[in-house]
């Protein structure tokens, strides 16, 4: 069974929150002064990891809000195509450059809370039945829950491993 198959919205929310808590806990002991330190073996800095997540969480919720308001979301974002994600990520980093790591973590906590609230307000059908939202597309097996998973629980786990690798590199500095 793929990791994005959840039995209910409550199971989905629990998986997201557990992954969020683990990722956020990895930031304990990472100082604001080190927010932009880059190591060759880690492709993002601590601040970039948070900016990436803040960007994607806002984008996905924005797609849904746009559709519910009667519009057609520009995916992945206005001015970007799916083969231009690097430029979009650079925009995420620029948008969040002026914030300390402490502020970014607080923004991430708020975004995760809003993400969970959004999910709570969706029906089981909206989450798990393909085609409930146009923005999810018509590819088989891509209901909203899968989009939610690949933009929260999955990267939270991936980035937890990256920040751990970053901390090991920092310790060997």
N, C-alpha and C. Protein backbone atom coordinates (compact mmCIF):
# COMPACT_ATOMS: atom_id res chain seq x y z
N UNK A 1 0.85 -1.18 0.00
CA UNK A 1 0.00 0.00 0.00
C UNK A 1 0.89 1.24 0.00
N UNK A 2 0.70 2.16 -0.95
CA UNK A 2 1.52 3.38 -0.99
C UNK A 2 1.37 4.20 0.29
N UNK A 3 2.40 4.95 0.62
CA UNK A 3 2.40 5.71 1.88
C UNK A 3 1.35 6.80 1.91
N UNK A 4 0.79 7.17 0.75
CA UNK A 4 -0.19 8.24 0.73
C UNK A 4 -1.62 7.71 0.88
N UNK A 5 -1.80 6.41 1.02
CA UNK A 5 -3.13 5.84 1.22
C UNK A 5 -3.44 5.86 2.71
N UNK A 6 -4.37 6.70 3.07
CA UNK A 6 -4.78 6.83 4.45
C UNK A 6 -6.22 6.37 4.57
N UNK A 7 -6.56 5.81 5.72
CA UNK A 7 -7.91 5.30 5.93
C UNK A 7 -8.92 6.41 6.18
N UNK A 8 -8.43 7.55 6.66
CA UNK A 8 -9.35 8.65 6.99
C UNK A 8 -8.57 9.95 7.05
N UNK A 9 -9.31 11.04 7.10
CA UNK A 9 -8.65 12.35 7.22
C UNK A 9 -7.92 12.45 8.55
N UNK A 10 -8.43 11.79 9.56
CA UNK A 10 -7.77 11.85 10.87
C UNK A 10 -6.42 11.13 10.83
N UNK A 11 -6.35 10.02 10.09
CA UNK A 11 -5.07 9.32 9.92
C UNK A 11 -4.09 10.20 9.13
N UNK A 12 -4.59 10.86 8.09
CA UNK A 12 -3.77 11.76 7.29
C UNK A 12 -3.23 12.90 8.15
N UNK A 13 -4.11 13.52 8.92
CA UNK A 13 -3.69 14.63 9.80
C UNK A 13 -2.67 14.16 10.83
N UNK A 14 -2.90 12.99 11.40
CA UNK A 14 -1.97 12.47 12.41
C UNK A 14 -0.59 12.23 11.81
N UNK A 15 -0.54 11.69 10.58
CA UNK A 15 0.75 11.44 9.91
C UNK A 15 1.47 12.75 9.62
N UNK A 16 0.73 13.74 9.15
CA UNK A 16 1.34 15.04 8.86
C UNK A 16 1.88 15.66 10.13
N UNK A 17 1.08 15.66 11.18
CA UNK A 17 1.50 16.32 12.41
C UNK A 17 2.71 15.61 13.04
N UNK A 18 2.70 14.28 13.02
CA UNK A 18 3.84 13.53 13.56
C UNK A 18 5.11 13.87 12.78
N UNK A 19 5.01 13.93 11.46
CA UNK A 19 6.18 14.27 10.64
C UNK A 19 6.63 15.71 10.89
N UNK A 20 5.67 16.61 11.04
CA UNK A 20 5.99 18.01 11.35
C UNK A 20 6.75 18.11 12.68
N UNK A 21 6.24 17.44 13.71
CA UNK A 21 6.88 17.51 15.03
C UNK A 21 8.32 17.00 14.98
N UNK A 22 8.54 15.93 14.23
CA UNK A 22 9.90 15.39 14.11
C UNK A 22 10.82 16.35 13.38
N UNK A 23 10.32 16.95 12.29
CA UNK A 23 11.13 17.91 11.56
C UNK A 23 11.43 19.13 12.42
N UNK A 24 10.43 19.69 13.04
CA UNK A 24 10.64 20.87 13.87
C UNK A 24 11.62 20.59 15.01
N UNK A 25 11.52 19.42 15.62
CA UNK A 25 12.42 19.06 16.73
C UNK A 25 13.88 19.05 16.29
N UNK A 26 14.14 18.74 15.03
CA UNK A 26 15.51 18.72 14.53
C UNK A 26 16.13 20.12 14.53
N UNK A 27 15.31 21.14 14.57
CA UNK A 27 15.82 22.51 14.57
C UNK A 27 16.28 22.98 15.95
N UNK A 28 15.98 22.20 16.97
CA UNK A 28 16.47 22.56 18.31
C UNK A 28 17.99 22.57 18.27
N UNK A 29 18.58 23.63 18.74
CA UNK A 29 20.03 23.74 18.78
C UNK A 29 20.64 24.33 17.51
N UNK A 30 19.84 24.55 16.46
CA UNK A 30 20.35 25.20 15.26
C UNK A 30 20.16 26.71 15.47
N UNK A 31 21.23 27.45 15.46
CA UNK A 31 21.15 28.87 15.80
C UNK A 31 20.73 29.72 14.61
N UNK A 32 20.15 30.87 14.92
CA UNK A 32 19.79 31.84 13.89
C UNK A 32 21.02 32.22 13.06
N UNK A 33 22.16 32.27 13.69
CA UNK A 33 23.40 32.65 12.99
C UNK A 33 23.77 31.64 11.91
N UNK A 34 23.28 30.41 12.05
CA UNK A 34 23.60 29.35 11.09
C UNK A 34 22.50 29.10 10.07
N UNK A 35 21.49 29.93 10.04
CA UNK A 35 20.32 29.71 9.18
C UNK A 35 20.66 29.56 7.71
N UNK A 36 21.72 30.24 7.25
CA UNK A 36 22.09 30.24 5.84
C UNK A 36 23.38 29.49 5.54
N UNK A 37 23.87 28.73 6.50
CA UNK A 37 25.10 27.97 6.29
C UNK A 37 24.80 26.79 5.37
N UNK A 38 25.61 26.67 4.33
CA UNK A 38 25.43 25.60 3.35
C UNK A 38 26.63 24.66 3.40
N UNK A 39 26.34 23.37 3.29
CA UNK A 39 27.38 22.35 3.23
C UNK A 39 27.25 21.62 1.89
N UNK A 40 28.38 21.20 1.33
CA UNK A 40 28.36 20.57 0.00
C UNK A 40 27.43 19.36 -0.11
N UNK A 41 27.32 18.59 0.96
CA UNK A 41 26.53 17.36 0.90
C UNK A 41 25.04 17.56 1.19
N UNK A 42 24.63 18.79 1.47
CA UNK A 42 23.22 19.07 1.77
C UNK A 42 22.77 20.18 0.83
N UNK A 43 21.71 19.91 0.09
CA UNK A 43 21.34 20.84 -0.98
C UNK A 43 20.58 22.08 -0.52
N UNK A 44 20.19 22.15 0.75
CA UNK A 44 19.49 23.34 1.25
C UNK A 44 20.01 23.71 2.62
N UNK A 45 19.93 24.99 2.91
CA UNK A 45 20.28 25.47 4.24
C UNK A 45 19.08 25.26 5.17
N UNK A 46 19.28 25.40 6.48
CA UNK A 46 18.13 25.28 7.39
C UNK A 46 17.00 26.25 7.04
N UNK A 47 17.34 27.48 6.70
CA UNK A 47 16.31 28.46 6.35
C UNK A 47 15.63 28.09 5.03
N UNK A 48 16.37 27.59 4.08
CA UNK A 48 15.77 27.21 2.79
C UNK A 48 14.79 26.05 2.95
N UNK A 49 15.09 25.13 3.83
CA UNK A 49 14.17 24.01 4.08
C UNK A 49 12.83 24.56 4.56
N UNK A 50 12.86 25.46 5.50
CA UNK A 50 11.62 26.03 6.02
C UNK A 50 10.91 26.88 4.96
N UNK A 51 11.67 27.67 4.21
CA UNK A 51 11.07 28.50 3.17
C UNK A 51 10.40 27.62 2.10
N UNK A 52 11.04 26.53 1.74
CA UNK A 52 10.47 25.59 0.78
C UNK A 52 9.13 25.09 1.28
N UNK A 53 9.09 24.65 2.53
CA UNK A 53 7.84 24.12 3.07
C UNK A 53 6.76 25.20 3.18
N UNK A 54 7.15 26.37 3.62
CA UNK A 54 6.18 27.47 3.69
C UNK A 54 5.61 27.78 2.31
N UNK A 55 6.47 27.77 1.31
CA UNK A 55 6.02 28.04 -0.04
C UNK A 55 5.03 27.01 -0.56
N UNK A 56 5.37 25.74 -0.40
CA UNK A 56 4.49 24.69 -0.91
C UNK A 56 3.17 24.61 -0.14
N UNK A 57 3.21 24.75 1.17
CA UNK A 57 1.96 24.70 1.93
C UNK A 57 1.02 25.81 1.48
N UNK A 58 1.56 26.99 1.26
CA UNK A 58 0.74 28.12 0.80
C UNK A 58 0.24 27.88 -0.63
N UNK A 59 1.08 27.35 -1.50
CA UNK A 59 0.66 27.10 -2.88
C UNK A 59 -0.52 26.14 -2.96
N UNK A 60 -0.40 25.00 -2.31
CA UNK A 60 -1.45 23.99 -2.42
C UNK A 60 -2.77 24.51 -1.85
N UNK A 61 -2.73 25.13 -0.71
CA UNK A 61 -3.97 25.71 -0.15
C UNK A 61 -4.49 26.80 -1.08
N UNK A 62 -3.59 27.55 -1.69
CA UNK A 62 -3.99 28.59 -2.62
C UNK A 62 -4.70 28.03 -3.86
N UNK A 63 -4.24 26.87 -4.36
CA UNK A 63 -4.92 26.24 -5.50
C UNK A 63 -6.37 25.96 -5.14
N UNK A 64 -6.55 25.41 -3.94
CA UNK A 64 -7.90 25.05 -3.52
C UNK A 64 -8.77 26.29 -3.32
N UNK A 65 -8.22 27.31 -2.70
CA UNK A 65 -8.97 28.56 -2.49
C UNK A 65 -9.34 29.20 -3.82
N UNK A 66 -8.42 29.19 -4.78
CA UNK A 66 -8.68 29.77 -6.10
C UNK A 66 -9.83 29.04 -6.79
N UNK A 67 -9.79 27.71 -6.76
CA UNK A 67 -10.86 26.94 -7.39
C UNK A 67 -12.20 27.18 -6.70
N UNK A 68 -12.21 27.18 -5.37
CA UNK A 68 -13.45 27.40 -4.64
C UNK A 68 -14.03 28.79 -4.89
N UNK A 69 -13.17 29.74 -5.23
CA UNK A 69 -13.63 31.11 -5.53
C UNK A 69 -14.08 31.24 -6.99
N UNK A 70 -14.05 30.12 -7.73
CA UNK A 70 -14.53 30.15 -9.11
C UNK A 70 -13.44 30.30 -10.15
N UNK A 71 -12.20 30.38 -9.71
CA UNK A 71 -11.09 30.56 -10.64
C UNK A 71 -10.44 29.25 -11.03
N UNK A 72 -9.41 29.38 -11.83
CA UNK A 72 -8.60 28.24 -12.24
C UNK A 72 -7.18 28.51 -11.77
N UNK A 73 -6.70 27.73 -10.82
CA UNK A 73 -5.35 27.96 -10.31
C UNK A 73 -4.29 27.80 -11.39
N UNK A 74 -3.29 28.66 -11.34
CA UNK A 74 -2.12 28.52 -12.21
C UNK A 74 -1.12 27.66 -11.46
N UNK A 75 -0.90 26.47 -12.01
CA UNK A 75 -0.05 25.52 -11.30
C UNK A 75 1.26 25.32 -12.04
N UNK A 76 2.36 25.26 -11.33
CA UNK A 76 2.42 25.26 -9.87
C UNK A 76 2.23 26.65 -9.25
N UNK A 77 2.60 27.71 -9.96
CA UNK A 77 2.42 29.08 -9.45
C UNK A 77 2.41 30.02 -10.64
N UNK A 78 1.80 31.19 -10.49
CA UNK A 78 1.82 32.14 -11.59
C UNK A 78 3.26 32.43 -12.05
N UNK A 79 3.46 32.32 -13.36
CA UNK A 79 4.78 32.58 -13.92
C UNK A 79 5.70 31.38 -13.97
N UNK A 80 5.25 30.24 -13.45
CA UNK A 80 6.10 29.04 -13.42
C UNK A 80 5.40 27.85 -14.03
N UNK A 81 6.19 27.03 -14.71
CA UNK A 81 5.72 25.75 -15.22
C UNK A 81 6.36 24.66 -14.35
N UNK A 82 5.86 23.44 -14.49
CA UNK A 82 6.36 22.35 -13.66
C UNK A 82 7.84 22.06 -13.92
N UNK A 83 8.35 22.46 -15.07
CA UNK A 83 9.78 22.24 -15.34
C UNK A 83 10.64 23.43 -14.92
N UNK A 84 10.06 24.36 -14.15
CA UNK A 84 10.77 25.55 -13.68
C UNK A 84 10.74 25.66 -12.16
N UNK A 85 10.71 24.54 -11.48
CA UNK A 85 10.58 24.58 -10.03
C UNK A 85 11.78 25.22 -9.34
N UNK A 86 12.96 25.09 -9.91
CA UNK A 86 14.15 25.69 -9.29
C UNK A 86 13.99 27.20 -9.12
N UNK A 87 13.47 27.87 -10.13
CA UNK A 87 13.22 29.31 -10.04
C UNK A 87 12.15 29.63 -9.01
N UNK A 88 11.13 28.79 -8.94
CA UNK A 88 10.08 28.99 -7.95
C UNK A 88 10.65 28.83 -6.53
N UNK A 89 11.50 27.84 -6.34
CA UNK A 89 12.13 27.66 -5.03
C UNK A 89 12.99 28.86 -4.67
N UNK A 90 13.71 29.39 -5.63
CA UNK A 90 14.52 30.59 -5.38
C UNK A 90 13.63 31.74 -4.93
N UNK A 91 12.43 31.83 -5.50
CA UNK A 91 11.48 32.85 -5.04
C UNK A 91 11.05 32.58 -3.60
N UNK A 92 10.79 31.33 -3.26
CA UNK A 92 10.45 30.99 -1.87
C UNK A 92 11.56 31.49 -0.94
N UNK A 93 12.81 31.22 -1.31
CA UNK A 93 13.94 31.60 -0.46
C UNK A 93 14.03 33.12 -0.33
N UNK A 94 13.85 33.83 -1.43
CA UNK A 94 13.88 35.31 -1.39
C UNK A 94 12.75 35.87 -0.53
N UNK A 95 11.57 35.30 -0.64
CA UNK A 95 10.42 35.77 0.13
C UNK A 95 10.64 35.64 1.64
N UNK A 96 11.43 34.68 2.02
CA UNK A 96 11.62 34.40 3.45
C UNK A 96 13.01 34.77 3.96
N UNK A 97 13.81 35.44 3.14
CA UNK A 97 15.20 35.75 3.48
C UNK A 97 15.34 36.63 4.72
N UNK A 98 14.44 37.57 4.92
CA UNK A 98 14.58 38.51 6.02
C UNK A 98 14.17 37.98 7.39
N UNK A 99 13.77 36.73 7.46
CA UNK A 99 13.29 36.19 8.73
C UNK A 99 14.38 35.37 9.42
N UNK A 100 14.39 35.45 10.73
CA UNK A 100 15.30 34.61 11.51
C UNK A 100 14.78 33.17 11.48
N UNK A 101 15.62 32.24 11.87
CA UNK A 101 15.20 30.85 11.96
C UNK A 101 14.06 30.70 12.97
N UNK A 102 14.14 31.44 14.05
CA UNK A 102 13.08 31.41 15.07
C UNK A 102 11.76 31.86 14.45
N UNK A 103 11.80 32.93 13.68
CA UNK A 103 10.58 33.43 13.02
C UNK A 103 10.07 32.44 11.98
N UNK A 104 10.98 31.85 11.22
CA UNK A 104 10.58 30.86 10.22
C UNK A 104 9.93 29.65 10.86
N UNK A 105 10.47 29.21 11.98
CA UNK A 105 9.87 28.07 12.69
C UNK A 105 8.47 28.42 13.19
N UNK A 106 8.30 29.64 13.68
CA UNK A 106 6.96 30.08 14.13
C UNK A 106 6.00 30.15 12.95
N UNK A 107 6.48 30.64 11.81
CA UNK A 107 5.65 30.69 10.61
C UNK A 107 5.29 29.28 10.14
N UNK A 108 6.24 28.37 10.24
CA UNK A 108 6.00 26.98 9.85
C UNK A 108 4.96 26.34 10.78
N UNK A 109 5.08 26.61 12.07
CA UNK A 109 4.09 26.08 13.02
C UNK A 109 2.69 26.59 12.69
N UNK A 110 2.59 27.87 12.38
CA UNK A 110 1.30 28.46 12.03
C UNK A 110 0.77 27.85 10.73
N UNK A 111 1.65 27.70 9.73
CA UNK A 111 1.24 27.13 8.44
C UNK A 111 0.77 25.68 8.61
N UNK A 112 1.47 24.92 9.42
CA UNK A 112 1.08 23.52 9.64
C UNK A 112 -0.26 23.45 10.35
N UNK A 113 -0.48 24.33 11.31
CA UNK A 113 -1.76 24.38 12.01
C UNK A 113 -2.90 24.73 11.04
N UNK A 114 -2.68 25.71 10.19
CA UNK A 114 -3.69 26.09 9.19
C UNK A 114 -3.92 24.97 8.19
N UNK A 115 -2.87 24.26 7.82
CA UNK A 115 -2.95 23.12 6.90
C UNK A 115 -3.85 22.04 7.50
N UNK A 116 -3.62 21.72 8.79
CA UNK A 116 -4.44 20.71 9.46
C UNK A 116 -5.89 21.16 9.58
N UNK A 117 -6.10 22.43 9.85
CA UNK A 117 -7.46 22.96 9.94
C UNK A 117 -8.15 22.88 8.58
N UNK A 118 -7.44 23.20 7.52
CA UNK A 118 -7.97 23.08 6.17
C UNK A 118 -8.41 21.64 5.91
N UNK A 119 -7.54 20.68 6.23
CA UNK A 119 -7.88 19.27 6.02
C UNK A 119 -9.10 18.89 6.84
N UNK A 120 -9.16 19.35 8.07
CA UNK A 120 -10.30 19.03 8.94
C UNK A 120 -11.61 19.50 8.32
N UNK A 121 -11.59 20.60 7.60
CA UNK A 121 -12.80 21.14 7.00
C UNK A 121 -13.15 20.52 5.65
N UNK A 122 -12.33 19.61 5.16
CA UNK A 122 -12.63 18.89 3.92
C UNK A 122 -13.38 17.61 4.26
N UNK A 123 -14.24 17.20 3.36
CA UNK A 123 -14.95 15.93 3.56
C UNK A 123 -14.03 14.77 3.17
N UNK A 124 -14.42 13.58 3.61
CA UNK A 124 -13.66 12.38 3.23
C UNK A 124 -13.67 12.24 1.70
N UNK A 125 -14.80 12.52 1.07
CA UNK A 125 -14.87 12.43 -0.39
C UNK A 125 -13.94 13.45 -1.05
N UNK A 126 -13.93 14.67 -0.56
CA UNK A 126 -13.04 15.68 -1.14
C UNK A 126 -11.59 15.22 -1.06
N UNK A 127 -11.25 14.57 0.02
CA UNK A 127 -9.87 14.12 0.22
C UNK A 127 -9.52 12.88 -0.59
N UNK A 128 -10.43 11.93 -0.63
CA UNK A 128 -10.06 10.60 -1.11
C UNK A 128 -10.69 10.16 -2.43
N UNK A 129 -11.61 10.93 -2.96
CA UNK A 129 -12.24 10.56 -4.23
C UNK A 129 -11.68 11.45 -5.34
N UNK A 130 -11.09 10.80 -6.32
CA UNK A 130 -10.50 11.51 -7.46
C UNK A 130 -11.56 12.38 -8.14
N UNK A 131 -11.13 13.59 -8.54
CA UNK A 131 -12.00 14.46 -9.32
C UNK A 131 -12.88 15.40 -8.52
N UNK A 132 -12.74 15.42 -7.22
CA UNK A 132 -13.54 16.32 -6.40
C UNK A 132 -13.12 17.77 -6.59
N UNK A 133 -11.86 17.98 -6.98
CA UNK A 133 -11.35 19.31 -7.31
C UNK A 133 -10.68 19.21 -8.68
N UNK A 134 -10.93 20.18 -9.53
CA UNK A 134 -10.29 20.20 -10.86
C UNK A 134 -8.78 20.29 -10.75
N UNK A 135 -8.27 21.04 -9.75
CA UNK A 135 -6.83 21.25 -9.66
C UNK A 135 -6.05 19.97 -9.40
N UNK A 136 -6.73 18.92 -8.91
CA UNK A 136 -6.02 17.67 -8.65
C UNK A 136 -5.79 16.88 -9.94
N UNK A 137 -6.41 17.32 -11.03
CA UNK A 137 -6.21 16.68 -12.32
C UNK A 137 -7.05 15.43 -12.49
N UNK A 138 -6.79 14.75 -13.58
CA UNK A 138 -7.58 13.55 -13.87
C UNK A 138 -6.73 12.29 -13.95
N UNK A 139 -5.47 12.41 -13.52
CA UNK A 139 -4.62 11.21 -13.47
C UNK A 139 -5.20 10.25 -12.43
N UNK A 140 -5.34 8.99 -12.78
CA UNK A 140 -5.85 8.03 -11.79
C UNK A 140 -4.98 8.02 -10.53
N UNK A 141 -5.64 7.85 -9.42
CA UNK A 141 -4.98 7.71 -8.13
C UNK A 141 -4.27 8.99 -7.66
N UNK A 142 -4.79 10.16 -8.06
CA UNK A 142 -4.25 11.42 -7.57
C UNK A 142 -5.35 12.27 -6.91
N UNK A 143 -6.01 11.72 -5.89
CA UNK A 143 -6.99 12.54 -5.17
C UNK A 143 -6.28 13.60 -4.33
N UNK A 144 -7.03 14.48 -3.75
CA UNK A 144 -6.46 15.58 -2.98
C UNK A 144 -5.55 15.06 -1.85
N UNK A 145 -5.91 13.96 -1.22
CA UNK A 145 -5.08 13.43 -0.13
C UNK A 145 -3.66 13.14 -0.59
N UNK A 146 -3.50 12.68 -1.82
CA UNK A 146 -2.15 12.39 -2.33
C UNK A 146 -1.37 13.69 -2.51
N UNK A 147 -2.01 14.73 -3.08
CA UNK A 147 -1.37 16.03 -3.22
C UNK A 147 -0.97 16.58 -1.85
N UNK A 148 -1.85 16.41 -0.89
CA UNK A 148 -1.57 16.89 0.47
C UNK A 148 -0.37 16.15 1.05
N UNK A 149 -0.37 14.83 0.91
CA UNK A 149 0.73 14.02 1.43
C UNK A 149 2.08 14.41 0.81
N UNK A 150 2.13 14.54 -0.52
CA UNK A 150 3.41 14.80 -1.17
C UNK A 150 3.92 16.23 -0.95
N UNK A 151 3.07 17.07 -0.37
CA UNK A 151 3.50 18.44 -0.07
C UNK A 151 3.58 18.73 1.42
N UNK A 152 3.44 17.69 2.23
CA UNK A 152 3.57 17.88 3.68
C UNK A 152 4.27 16.68 4.31
N UNK A 153 3.56 15.63 4.60
CA UNK A 153 4.15 14.49 5.32
C UNK A 153 5.41 13.96 4.63
N UNK A 154 5.37 13.79 3.32
CA UNK A 154 6.53 13.23 2.61
C UNK A 154 7.76 14.14 2.70
N UNK A 155 7.65 15.42 2.31
CA UNK A 155 8.85 16.25 2.40
C UNK A 155 9.25 16.56 3.85
N UNK A 156 8.31 16.56 4.77
CA UNK A 156 8.71 16.77 6.17
C UNK A 156 9.69 15.68 6.57
N UNK A 157 9.42 14.44 6.16
CA UNK A 157 10.33 13.34 6.47
C UNK A 157 11.65 13.47 5.73
N UNK A 158 11.59 13.81 4.47
CA UNK A 158 12.80 13.99 3.67
C UNK A 158 13.68 15.09 4.26
N UNK A 159 13.04 16.21 4.62
CA UNK A 159 13.81 17.33 5.15
C UNK A 159 14.30 17.08 6.56
N UNK A 160 13.64 16.23 7.30
CA UNK A 160 14.17 15.84 8.61
C UNK A 160 15.53 15.17 8.41
N UNK A 161 15.60 14.28 7.44
CA UNK A 161 16.87 13.61 7.15
C UNK A 161 17.91 14.62 6.68
N UNK A 162 17.52 15.60 5.89
CA UNK A 162 18.46 16.61 5.40
C UNK A 162 18.99 17.48 6.53
N UNK A 163 18.13 17.89 7.45
CA UNK A 163 18.60 18.76 8.53
C UNK A 163 19.48 17.95 9.48
N UNK A 164 19.19 16.68 9.64
CA UNK A 164 20.07 15.82 10.45
C UNK A 164 21.46 15.72 9.80
N UNK A 165 21.47 15.55 8.47
CA UNK A 165 22.73 15.49 7.73
C UNK A 165 23.45 16.84 7.85
N UNK A 166 22.73 17.93 7.78
CA UNK A 166 23.28 19.28 7.93
C UNK A 166 23.92 19.41 9.31
N UNK A 167 23.24 18.94 10.35
CA UNK A 167 23.77 19.04 11.71
C UNK A 167 25.05 18.21 11.87
N UNK A 168 25.09 17.05 11.23
CA UNK A 168 26.32 16.23 11.29
C UNK A 168 27.46 16.97 10.60
N UNK A 169 27.18 17.58 9.46
CA UNK A 169 28.21 18.34 8.76
C UNK A 169 28.67 19.52 9.60
N UNK A 170 27.75 20.17 10.27
CA UNK A 170 28.09 21.30 11.14
C UNK A 170 28.95 20.84 12.31
N UNK A 171 28.63 19.71 12.88
CA UNK A 171 29.39 19.18 14.01
C UNK A 171 30.82 18.83 13.59
N UNK A 172 30.99 18.43 12.34
CA UNK A 172 32.32 18.09 11.84
C UNK A 172 33.07 19.29 11.29
N UNK A 173 32.44 20.45 11.36
CA UNK A 173 33.00 21.71 10.86
C UNK A 173 34.32 22.06 11.51
